[in-house]
Amino acid sequence: MHLRLAVPSDARDIARVHVESWRVAYRGLVPQTYLDKLSVESREAFWMQTISTEACEVWVAEVDSALVGWIALGASRDDDATFDVGELQAIYLLPEYWAHGIGRALWRVACGRLLERGFSSAVVWVFADNARAIRFYRAAGFTLNSELEDSGDYDGMELKYARYEIILV
């Protein structure tokens, strides 16, 4: 496994991992109609733009030169955040690479980068019913901070997000 900072040419592979992960991880949580509409092309444009900004830092994991996962981090986007709060904005792996230590390795890099950037704590938002992700975040040291009822519309379904927090220093 090799971890490195993402470059714009990674956008398509990051988008592919994003879409494939969502379709498996959120089956039964998010309406299938929503998952079916996800497209690598629309996510690619998003990731091309995101990777090119300084607001978000993206690291990728490669196995045998193939991009199999990624993590995005930056300053917290929460309205109540202070200057010293970072955010694990997202982490996704191809399903066949779940539970192989790649997510933990990506989190260790992100944690180090958040500290280097001067953040003393970090938050992550997760679907409140996403037991697999919650186990991962709790194992990493995150604790439940709050819940938000209004998460947005997913093809007519309102989902609840939970905010978890970790002290980095």
N, C-alpha and C. Protein backbone atom coordinates (compact mmCIF):
# COMPACT_ATOMS: atom_id res chain seq x y z
N MET A 1 0.85 -1.19 0.00
CA MET A 1 0.00 0.00 0.00
C MET A 1 0.88 1.24 0.00
N HIS A 2 0.48 2.22 -0.77
CA HIS A 2 1.20 3.48 -0.88
C HIS A 2 0.20 4.62 -0.65
N LEU A 3 0.54 5.56 0.24
CA LEU A 3 -0.29 6.73 0.49
C LEU A 3 0.41 7.96 -0.04
N ARG A 4 -0.37 8.84 -0.69
CA ARG A 4 0.21 10.06 -1.23
C ARG A 4 -0.86 11.13 -1.36
N LEU A 5 -0.40 12.36 -1.49
CA LEU A 5 -1.31 13.49 -1.72
C LEU A 5 -1.92 13.36 -3.11
N ALA A 6 -3.22 13.61 -3.22
CA ALA A 6 -3.90 13.51 -4.51
C ALA A 6 -3.48 14.65 -5.43
N VAL A 7 -3.54 14.37 -6.72
CA VAL A 7 -3.29 15.36 -7.76
C VAL A 7 -4.53 15.40 -8.65
N PRO A 8 -4.72 16.48 -9.42
CA PRO A 8 -5.93 16.58 -10.25
C PRO A 8 -6.20 15.38 -11.15
N SER A 9 -5.17 14.74 -11.64
CA SER A 9 -5.40 13.58 -12.52
C SER A 9 -5.98 12.37 -11.77
N ASP A 10 -6.05 12.44 -10.44
CA ASP A 10 -6.68 11.37 -9.65
C ASP A 10 -8.19 11.53 -9.55
N ALA A 11 -8.72 12.64 -10.02
CA ALA A 11 -10.14 12.96 -9.80
C ALA A 11 -11.08 11.85 -10.27
N ARG A 12 -10.83 11.28 -11.42
CA ARG A 12 -11.74 10.23 -11.92
C ARG A 12 -11.71 9.01 -11.02
N ASP A 13 -10.53 8.57 -10.61
CA ASP A 13 -10.43 7.40 -9.74
C ASP A 13 -11.03 7.68 -8.36
N ILE A 14 -10.82 8.88 -7.85
CA ILE A 14 -11.43 9.26 -6.57
C ILE A 14 -12.96 9.21 -6.71
N ALA A 15 -13.47 9.73 -7.81
CA ALA A 15 -14.91 9.72 -8.06
C ALA A 15 -15.44 8.29 -8.16
N ARG A 16 -14.70 7.43 -8.82
CA ARG A 16 -15.12 6.02 -8.96
C ARG A 16 -15.21 5.35 -7.60
N VAL A 17 -14.20 5.56 -6.75
CA VAL A 17 -14.22 5.00 -5.40
C VAL A 17 -15.40 5.59 -4.61
N HIS A 18 -15.62 6.89 -4.76
CA HIS A 18 -16.71 7.57 -4.07
C HIS A 18 -18.05 6.93 -4.42
N VAL A 19 -18.33 6.78 -5.70
CA VAL A 19 -19.61 6.24 -6.16
C VAL A 19 -19.74 4.76 -5.78
N GLU A 20 -18.72 3.95 -6.03
CA GLU A 20 -18.80 2.53 -5.69
C GLU A 20 -18.98 2.31 -4.20
N SER A 21 -18.29 3.10 -3.39
CA SER A 21 -18.44 3.01 -1.93
C SER A 21 -19.85 3.34 -1.48
N TRP A 22 -20.35 4.46 -1.98
CA TRP A 22 -21.71 4.87 -1.61
C TRP A 22 -22.71 3.77 -1.95
N ARG A 23 -22.59 3.20 -3.13
CA ARG A 23 -23.59 2.21 -3.57
C ARG A 23 -23.61 0.97 -2.69
N VAL A 24 -22.49 0.64 -2.06
CA VAL A 24 -22.45 -0.53 -1.18
C VAL A 24 -22.69 -0.11 0.27
N ALA A 25 -21.96 0.91 0.73
CA ALA A 25 -22.04 1.30 2.14
C ALA A 25 -23.41 1.82 2.54
N TYR A 26 -24.09 2.48 1.63
CA TYR A 26 -25.36 3.12 1.99
C TYR A 26 -26.58 2.37 1.48
N ARG A 27 -26.38 1.16 0.94
CA ARG A 27 -27.52 0.33 0.53
C ARG A 27 -28.35 0.06 1.78
N GLY A 28 -29.64 0.37 1.69
CA GLY A 28 -30.53 0.19 2.83
C GLY A 28 -30.62 1.41 3.74
N LEU A 29 -29.67 2.33 3.64
CA LEU A 29 -29.71 3.58 4.42
C LEU A 29 -30.25 4.73 3.58
N VAL A 30 -29.84 4.77 2.32
CA VAL A 30 -30.21 5.82 1.38
C VAL A 30 -31.09 5.15 0.32
N PRO A 31 -32.13 5.82 -0.15
CA PRO A 31 -32.99 5.20 -1.17
C PRO A 31 -32.18 4.71 -2.38
N GLN A 32 -32.53 3.53 -2.86
CA GLN A 32 -31.83 2.96 -4.00
C GLN A 32 -31.91 3.87 -5.22
N THR A 33 -33.01 4.60 -5.37
CA THR A 33 -33.14 5.51 -6.51
C THR A 33 -32.05 6.58 -6.47
N TYR A 34 -31.71 7.04 -5.28
CA TYR A 34 -30.65 8.04 -5.13
C TYR A 34 -29.30 7.41 -5.50
N LEU A 35 -29.05 6.22 -4.97
CA LEU A 35 -27.78 5.55 -5.25
C LEU A 35 -27.62 5.25 -6.74
N ASP A 36 -28.71 4.87 -7.39
CA ASP A 36 -28.66 4.56 -8.82
C ASP A 36 -28.32 5.78 -9.67
N LYS A 37 -28.66 6.97 -9.18
CA LYS A 37 -28.40 8.20 -9.94
C LYS A 37 -26.98 8.74 -9.77
N LEU A 38 -26.22 8.19 -8.83
CA LEU A 38 -24.85 8.67 -8.63
C LEU A 38 -24.05 8.44 -9.90
N SER A 39 -23.21 9.42 -10.24
CA SER A 39 -22.42 9.24 -11.45
C SER A 39 -20.96 9.62 -11.22
N VAL A 40 -20.10 8.81 -11.78
CA VAL A 40 -18.66 9.08 -11.69
C VAL A 40 -18.35 10.42 -12.37
N GLU A 41 -19.03 10.72 -13.47
CA GLU A 41 -18.76 11.96 -14.21
C GLU A 41 -19.05 13.20 -13.36
N SER A 42 -20.17 13.22 -12.66
CA SER A 42 -20.48 14.41 -11.84
C SER A 42 -19.55 14.49 -10.64
N ARG A 43 -19.20 13.37 -10.06
CA ARG A 43 -18.28 13.37 -8.92
C ARG A 43 -16.87 13.74 -9.39
N GLU A 44 -16.50 13.34 -10.60
CA GLU A 44 -15.17 13.67 -11.12
C GLU A 44 -15.00 15.19 -11.21
N ALA A 45 -16.00 15.88 -11.73
CA ALA A 45 -15.91 17.34 -11.83
C ALA A 45 -15.78 17.96 -10.45
N PHE A 46 -16.54 17.45 -9.49
CA PHE A 46 -16.44 17.94 -8.11
C PHE A 46 -15.04 17.74 -7.57
N TRP A 47 -14.49 16.53 -7.73
CA TRP A 47 -13.17 16.24 -7.16
C TRP A 47 -12.05 16.96 -7.90
N MET A 48 -12.19 17.18 -9.17
CA MET A 48 -11.20 17.95 -9.92
C MET A 48 -11.09 19.35 -9.30
N GLN A 49 -12.23 19.97 -9.06
CA GLN A 49 -12.25 21.31 -8.46
C GLN A 49 -11.75 21.28 -7.03
N THR A 50 -12.19 20.30 -6.25
CA THR A 50 -11.82 20.21 -4.83
C THR A 50 -10.32 20.01 -4.65
N ILE A 51 -9.73 19.12 -5.44
CA ILE A 51 -8.30 18.84 -5.32
C ILE A 51 -7.48 20.08 -5.66
N SER A 52 -8.02 20.93 -6.51
CA SER A 52 -7.30 22.13 -6.95
C SER A 52 -7.40 23.30 -5.98
N THR A 53 -8.15 23.15 -4.88
CA THR A 53 -8.28 24.23 -3.91
C THR A 53 -7.40 23.94 -2.70
N GLU A 54 -7.14 24.96 -1.92
CA GLU A 54 -6.37 24.79 -0.70
C GLU A 54 -7.27 24.48 0.50
N ALA A 55 -8.57 24.64 0.35
CA ALA A 55 -9.50 24.43 1.46
C ALA A 55 -9.58 22.97 1.88
N CYS A 56 -9.35 22.07 0.94
CA CYS A 56 -9.48 20.63 1.20
C CYS A 56 -8.20 19.93 0.75
N GLU A 57 -7.70 19.06 1.61
CA GLU A 57 -6.51 18.26 1.29
C GLU A 57 -6.97 16.82 1.13
N VAL A 58 -6.61 16.19 0.04
CA VAL A 58 -7.04 14.81 -0.24
C VAL A 58 -5.81 13.92 -0.35
N TRP A 59 -5.85 12.82 0.37
CA TRP A 59 -4.80 11.81 0.31
C TRP A 59 -5.40 10.53 -0.26
N VAL A 60 -4.64 9.82 -1.07
CA VAL A 60 -5.13 8.60 -1.68
C VAL A 60 -4.30 7.40 -1.23
N ALA A 61 -4.94 6.24 -1.29
CA ALA A 61 -4.27 4.97 -1.00
C ALA A 61 -4.25 4.16 -2.28
N GLU A 62 -3.08 3.65 -2.61
CA GLU A 62 -2.92 2.82 -3.80
C GLU A 62 -2.44 1.43 -3.39
N VAL A 63 -2.96 0.44 -4.07
CA VAL A 63 -2.51 -0.94 -3.92
C VAL A 63 -2.17 -1.42 -5.32
N ASP A 64 -0.94 -1.86 -5.50
CA ASP A 64 -0.48 -2.29 -6.83
C ASP A 64 -0.75 -1.21 -7.88
N SER A 65 -0.46 0.03 -7.53
CA SER A 65 -0.61 1.21 -8.39
C SER A 65 -2.05 1.57 -8.73
N ALA A 66 -3.03 0.92 -8.11
CA ALA A 66 -4.44 1.25 -8.35
C ALA A 66 -4.97 2.02 -7.14
N LEU A 67 -5.67 3.13 -7.41
CA LEU A 67 -6.26 3.92 -6.34
C LEU A 67 -7.45 3.16 -5.78
N VAL A 68 -7.40 2.85 -4.46
CA VAL A 68 -8.44 2.04 -3.82
C VAL A 68 -9.17 2.77 -2.70
N GLY A 69 -8.69 3.96 -2.34
CA GLY A 69 -9.34 4.72 -1.27
C GLY A 69 -8.77 6.10 -1.15
N TRP A 70 -9.46 6.93 -0.36
CA TRP A 70 -9.01 8.31 -0.17
C TRP A 70 -9.62 8.88 1.09
N ILE A 71 -9.00 9.96 1.55
CA ILE A 71 -9.48 10.70 2.71
C ILE A 71 -9.36 12.19 2.41
N ALA A 72 -10.35 12.96 2.82
CA ALA A 72 -10.34 14.42 2.61
C ALA A 72 -10.40 15.10 3.97
N LEU A 73 -9.61 16.14 4.13
CA LEU A 73 -9.55 16.85 5.40
C LEU A 73 -9.38 18.34 5.16
N GLY A 74 -9.67 19.11 6.18
CA GLY A 74 -9.51 20.55 6.12
C GLY A 74 -10.03 21.19 7.39
N ALA A 75 -10.24 22.48 7.34
CA ALA A 75 -10.85 23.19 8.47
C ALA A 75 -12.31 22.77 8.58
N SER A 76 -12.82 22.76 9.79
CA SER A 76 -14.22 22.42 9.99
C SER A 76 -15.11 23.39 9.23
N ARG A 77 -16.13 22.84 8.59
CA ARG A 77 -17.08 23.66 7.84
C ARG A 77 -18.31 24.02 8.68
N ASP A 78 -18.31 23.62 9.96
CA ASP A 78 -19.44 23.89 10.84
C ASP A 78 -19.53 25.37 11.18
N ASP A 79 -20.75 25.87 11.29
CA ASP A 79 -20.97 27.28 11.63
C ASP A 79 -20.40 27.65 12.99
N ASP A 80 -20.38 26.70 13.92
CA ASP A 80 -19.92 26.99 15.28
C ASP A 80 -18.44 26.67 15.49
N ALA A 81 -17.72 26.35 14.42
CA ALA A 81 -16.32 25.95 14.55
C ALA A 81 -15.41 27.14 14.86
N THR A 82 -14.40 26.87 15.65
CA THR A 82 -13.36 27.85 15.91
C THR A 82 -12.17 27.55 15.00
N PHE A 83 -11.20 28.44 14.98
CA PHE A 83 -10.06 28.33 14.07
C PHE A 83 -9.23 27.06 14.27
N ASP A 84 -9.32 26.45 15.46
CA ASP A 84 -8.48 25.30 15.76
C ASP A 84 -9.18 23.95 15.59
N VAL A 85 -10.34 23.96 14.91
CA VAL A 85 -11.09 22.72 14.69
C VAL A 85 -10.99 22.31 13.23
N GLY A 86 -10.47 21.11 13.02
CA GLY A 86 -10.39 20.55 11.68
C GLY A 86 -11.55 19.62 11.42
N GLU A 87 -11.56 19.06 10.21
CA GLU A 87 -12.64 18.14 9.86
C GLU A 87 -12.11 17.02 8.99
N LEU A 88 -12.48 15.81 9.34
CA LEU A 88 -12.33 14.68 8.44
C LEU A 88 -13.57 14.77 7.56
N GLN A 89 -13.41 15.29 6.35
CA GLN A 89 -14.56 15.60 5.51
C GLN A 89 -15.15 14.35 4.88
N ALA A 90 -14.32 13.37 4.58
CA ALA A 90 -14.82 12.11 4.02
C ALA A 90 -13.68 11.12 3.94
N ILE A 91 -14.04 9.85 4.03
CA ILE A 91 -13.09 8.76 3.80
C ILE A 91 -13.86 7.63 3.14
N TYR A 92 -13.34 7.15 2.04
CA TYR A 92 -14.00 6.06 1.31
C TYR A 92 -12.95 5.12 0.74
N LEU A 93 -13.30 3.85 0.76
CA LEU A 93 -12.48 2.79 0.18
C LEU A 93 -13.36 1.93 -0.70
N LEU A 94 -12.78 1.34 -1.73
CA LEU A 94 -13.52 0.33 -2.48
C LEU A 94 -13.92 -0.77 -1.50
N PRO A 95 -15.14 -1.27 -1.57
CA PRO A 95 -15.61 -2.26 -0.59
C PRO A 95 -14.70 -3.47 -0.40
N GLU A 96 -14.06 -3.91 -1.45
CA GLU A 96 -13.19 -5.09 -1.31
C GLU A 96 -11.94 -4.80 -0.48
N TYR A 97 -11.69 -3.52 -0.14
CA TYR A 97 -10.54 -3.15 0.68
C TYR A 97 -10.94 -2.73 2.10
N TRP A 98 -12.22 -2.87 2.43
CA TRP A 98 -12.65 -2.58 3.80
C TRP A 98 -12.01 -3.60 4.75
N ALA A 99 -11.72 -3.15 5.96
CA ALA A 99 -11.20 -4.02 7.03
C ALA A 99 -9.84 -4.62 6.70
N HIS A 100 -9.01 -3.87 5.95
CA HIS A 100 -7.65 -4.30 5.65
C HIS A 100 -6.61 -3.35 6.23
N GLY A 101 -7.04 -2.38 7.03
CA GLY A 101 -6.11 -1.43 7.65
C GLY A 101 -5.83 -0.19 6.81
N ILE A 102 -6.38 -0.12 5.63
CA ILE A 102 -6.12 1.02 4.75
C ILE A 102 -6.80 2.28 5.29
N GLY A 103 -8.02 2.15 5.77
CA GLY A 103 -8.71 3.29 6.36
C GLY A 103 -7.97 3.83 7.57
N ARG A 104 -7.47 2.95 8.42
CA ARG A 104 -6.70 3.38 9.59
C ARG A 104 -5.42 4.10 9.16
N ALA A 105 -4.77 3.58 8.12
CA ALA A 105 -3.55 4.23 7.63
C ALA A 105 -3.86 5.62 7.07
N LEU A 106 -4.96 5.74 6.32
CA LEU A 106 -5.35 7.06 5.81
C LEU A 106 -5.66 8.00 6.97
N TRP A 107 -6.37 7.51 8.00
CA TRP A 107 -6.70 8.36 9.14
C TRP A 107 -5.41 8.83 9.85
N ARG A 108 -4.43 7.95 10.00
CA ARG A 108 -3.17 8.37 10.66
C ARG A 108 -2.51 9.51 9.89
N VAL A 109 -2.49 9.43 8.56
CA VAL A 109 -1.94 10.52 7.75
C VAL A 109 -2.75 11.79 7.96
N ALA A 110 -4.07 11.67 7.89
CA ALA A 110 -4.94 12.84 8.06
C ALA A 110 -4.77 13.46 9.44
N CYS A 111 -4.70 12.63 10.45
CA CYS A 111 -4.52 13.13 11.81
C CYS A 111 -3.22 13.93 11.92
N GLY A 112 -2.15 13.39 11.36
CA GLY A 112 -0.87 14.10 11.37
C GLY A 112 -0.95 15.42 10.61
N ARG A 113 -1.61 15.41 9.48
CA ARG A 113 -1.75 16.64 8.69
C ARG A 113 -2.61 17.67 9.41
N LEU A 114 -3.67 17.25 10.07
CA LEU A 114 -4.50 18.18 10.84
C LEU A 114 -3.67 18.83 11.94
N LEU A 115 -2.87 18.04 12.63
CA LEU A 115 -2.00 18.59 13.67
C LEU A 115 -0.99 19.57 13.08
N GLU A 116 -0.36 19.20 11.97
CA GLU A 116 0.61 20.08 11.32
C GLU A 116 -0.01 21.40 10.89
N ARG A 117 -1.30 21.36 10.55
CA ARG A 117 -2.00 22.57 10.12
C ARG A 117 -2.52 23.39 11.31
N GLY A 118 -2.25 22.94 12.53
CA GLY A 118 -2.59 23.73 13.71
C GLY A 118 -3.93 23.44 14.34
N PHE A 119 -4.58 22.35 13.94
CA PHE A 119 -5.87 22.00 14.54
C PHE A 119 -5.65 21.17 15.80
N SER A 120 -6.38 21.48 16.86
CA SER A 120 -6.23 20.71 18.10
C SER A 120 -7.35 19.68 18.27
N SER A 121 -8.39 19.79 17.45
CA SER A 121 -9.46 18.80 17.46
C SER A 121 -10.02 18.70 16.05
N ALA A 122 -10.85 17.69 15.86
CA ALA A 122 -11.46 17.50 14.54
C ALA A 122 -12.85 16.90 14.72
N VAL A 123 -13.69 17.17 13.74
CA VAL A 123 -15.04 16.61 13.71
C VAL A 123 -15.20 15.77 12.45
N VAL A 124 -16.20 14.92 12.48
CA VAL A 124 -16.61 14.17 11.31
C VAL A 124 -18.12 14.01 11.40
N TRP A 125 -18.80 14.15 10.27
CA TRP A 125 -20.24 13.95 10.19
C TRP A 125 -20.48 12.60 9.55
N VAL A 126 -21.42 11.85 10.09
CA VAL A 126 -21.71 10.50 9.60
C VAL A 126 -23.22 10.26 9.68
N PHE A 127 -23.74 9.49 8.73
CA PHE A 127 -25.14 9.10 8.86
C PHE A 127 -25.31 8.40 10.21
N ALA A 128 -26.28 8.82 10.98
CA ALA A 128 -26.47 8.29 12.33
C ALA A 128 -26.74 6.79 12.34
N ASP A 129 -27.24 6.23 11.25
CA ASP A 129 -27.52 4.80 11.18
C ASP A 129 -26.41 4.00 10.50
N ASN A 130 -25.28 4.62 10.23
CA ASN A 130 -24.18 3.95 9.55
C ASN A 130 -23.27 3.28 10.58
N ALA A 131 -23.68 2.09 11.02
CA ALA A 131 -22.97 1.39 12.10
C ALA A 131 -21.51 1.10 11.76
N ARG A 132 -21.23 0.72 10.52
CA ARG A 132 -19.85 0.39 10.13
C ARG A 132 -18.94 1.61 10.29
N ALA A 133 -19.37 2.76 9.78
CA ALA A 133 -18.57 3.98 9.89
C ALA A 133 -18.41 4.41 11.34
N ILE A 134 -19.48 4.32 12.10
CA ILE A 134 -19.41 4.72 13.51
C ILE A 134 -18.43 3.85 14.27
N ARG A 135 -18.40 2.55 13.99
CA ARG A 135 -17.40 1.68 14.63
C ARG A 135 -15.99 2.14 14.28
N PHE A 136 -15.77 2.49 13.01
CA PHE A 136 -14.45 2.96 12.57
C PHE A 136 -14.06 4.23 13.33
N TYR A 137 -14.95 5.21 13.38
CA TYR A 137 -14.64 6.48 14.04
C TYR A 137 -14.43 6.30 15.54
N ARG A 138 -15.24 5.48 16.17
CA ARG A 138 -15.05 5.23 17.62
C ARG A 138 -13.72 4.54 17.88
N ALA A 139 -13.35 3.59 17.03
CA ALA A 139 -12.07 2.90 17.19
C ALA A 139 -10.90 3.88 17.01
N ALA A 140 -11.12 4.92 16.19
CA ALA A 140 -10.08 5.94 15.97
C ALA A 140 -10.02 6.94 17.12
N GLY A 141 -11.01 6.91 18.02
CA GLY A 141 -11.00 7.81 19.17
C GLY A 141 -12.04 8.91 19.15
N PHE A 142 -12.89 8.94 18.13
CA PHE A 142 -13.95 9.94 18.05
C PHE A 142 -15.06 9.60 19.05
N THR A 143 -15.68 10.63 19.60
CA THR A 143 -16.84 10.46 20.47
C THR A 143 -18.00 11.30 19.94
N LEU A 144 -19.21 10.85 20.22
CA LEU A 144 -20.40 11.54 19.76
C LEU A 144 -20.46 12.94 20.36
N ASN A 145 -20.67 13.94 19.50
CA ASN A 145 -20.74 15.33 19.93
C ASN A 145 -22.17 15.84 19.87
N SER A 146 -22.86 15.60 18.75
CA SER A 146 -24.23 16.06 18.61
C SER A 146 -24.89 15.37 17.43
N GLU A 147 -26.18 15.53 17.33
CA GLU A 147 -26.90 15.00 16.19
C GLU A 147 -27.65 16.14 15.52
N LEU A 148 -27.84 16.01 14.24
CA LEU A 148 -28.55 17.01 13.45
C LEU A 148 -29.68 16.30 12.71
N GLU A 149 -30.89 16.70 12.96
CA GLU A 149 -32.03 16.03 12.34
C GLU A 149 -32.11 16.29 10.84
N ASP A 150 -31.91 17.53 10.41
CA ASP A 150 -32.10 17.91 9.01
C ASP A 150 -30.82 17.69 8.23
N SER A 151 -30.73 16.56 7.54
CA SER A 151 -29.52 16.25 6.79
C SER A 151 -29.66 16.52 5.30
N GLY A 152 -30.83 16.88 4.88
CA GLY A 152 -31.05 17.08 3.46
C GLY A 152 -31.94 15.99 2.89
N ASP A 153 -32.34 16.18 1.67
CA ASP A 153 -33.28 15.28 1.01
C ASP A 153 -32.54 14.30 0.12
N TYR A 154 -32.76 13.03 0.38
CA TYR A 154 -32.20 11.96 -0.44
C TYR A 154 -33.37 11.25 -1.11
N ASP A 155 -33.81 11.81 -2.23
CA ASP A 155 -34.97 11.28 -2.96
C ASP A 155 -36.18 11.09 -2.05
N GLY A 156 -36.49 12.13 -1.31
CA GLY A 156 -37.67 12.12 -0.46
C GLY A 156 -37.46 11.58 0.94
N MET A 157 -36.27 11.12 1.25
CA MET A 157 -35.98 10.60 2.57
C MET A 157 -35.07 11.57 3.32
N GLU A 158 -35.49 11.95 4.52
CA GLU A 158 -34.65 12.78 5.39
C GLU A 158 -33.81 11.83 6.24
N LEU A 159 -32.53 12.04 6.25
CA LEU A 159 -31.63 11.22 7.05
C LEU A 159 -31.00 12.05 8.15
N LYS A 160 -30.66 11.39 9.23
CA LYS A 160 -30.05 12.07 10.36
C LYS A 160 -28.53 11.89 10.31
N TYR A 161 -27.82 12.99 10.48
CA TYR A 161 -26.36 12.94 10.61
C TYR A 161 -26.00 13.05 12.08
N ALA A 162 -24.92 12.43 12.47
CA ALA A 162 -24.35 12.59 13.80
C ALA A 162 -22.97 13.19 13.66
N ARG A 163 -22.64 14.11 14.57
CA ARG A 163 -21.30 14.72 14.56
C ARG A 163 -20.46 14.08 15.67
N TYR A 164 -19.30 13.60 15.27
CA TYR A 164 -18.34 13.04 16.21
C TYR A 164 -17.14 13.95 16.28
N GLU A 165 -16.45 13.93 17.40
CA GLU A 165 -15.32 14.83 17.62
C GLU A 165 -14.17 14.05 18.25
N ILE A 166 -12.95 14.50 17.97
CA ILE A 166 -11.76 13.91 18.57
C ILE A 166 -10.81 15.05 18.95
N ILE A 167 -10.16 14.90 20.09
CA ILE A 167 -9.09 15.82 20.49
C ILE A 167 -7.79 15.26 19.92
N LEU A 168 -7.08 16.09 19.18
CA LEU A 168 -5.88 15.64 18.48
C LEU A 168 -4.62 15.79 19.31
N VAL A 169 -4.59 16.76 20.21
CA VAL A 169 -3.36 17.00 21.00
C VAL A 169 -3.56 16.62 22.45
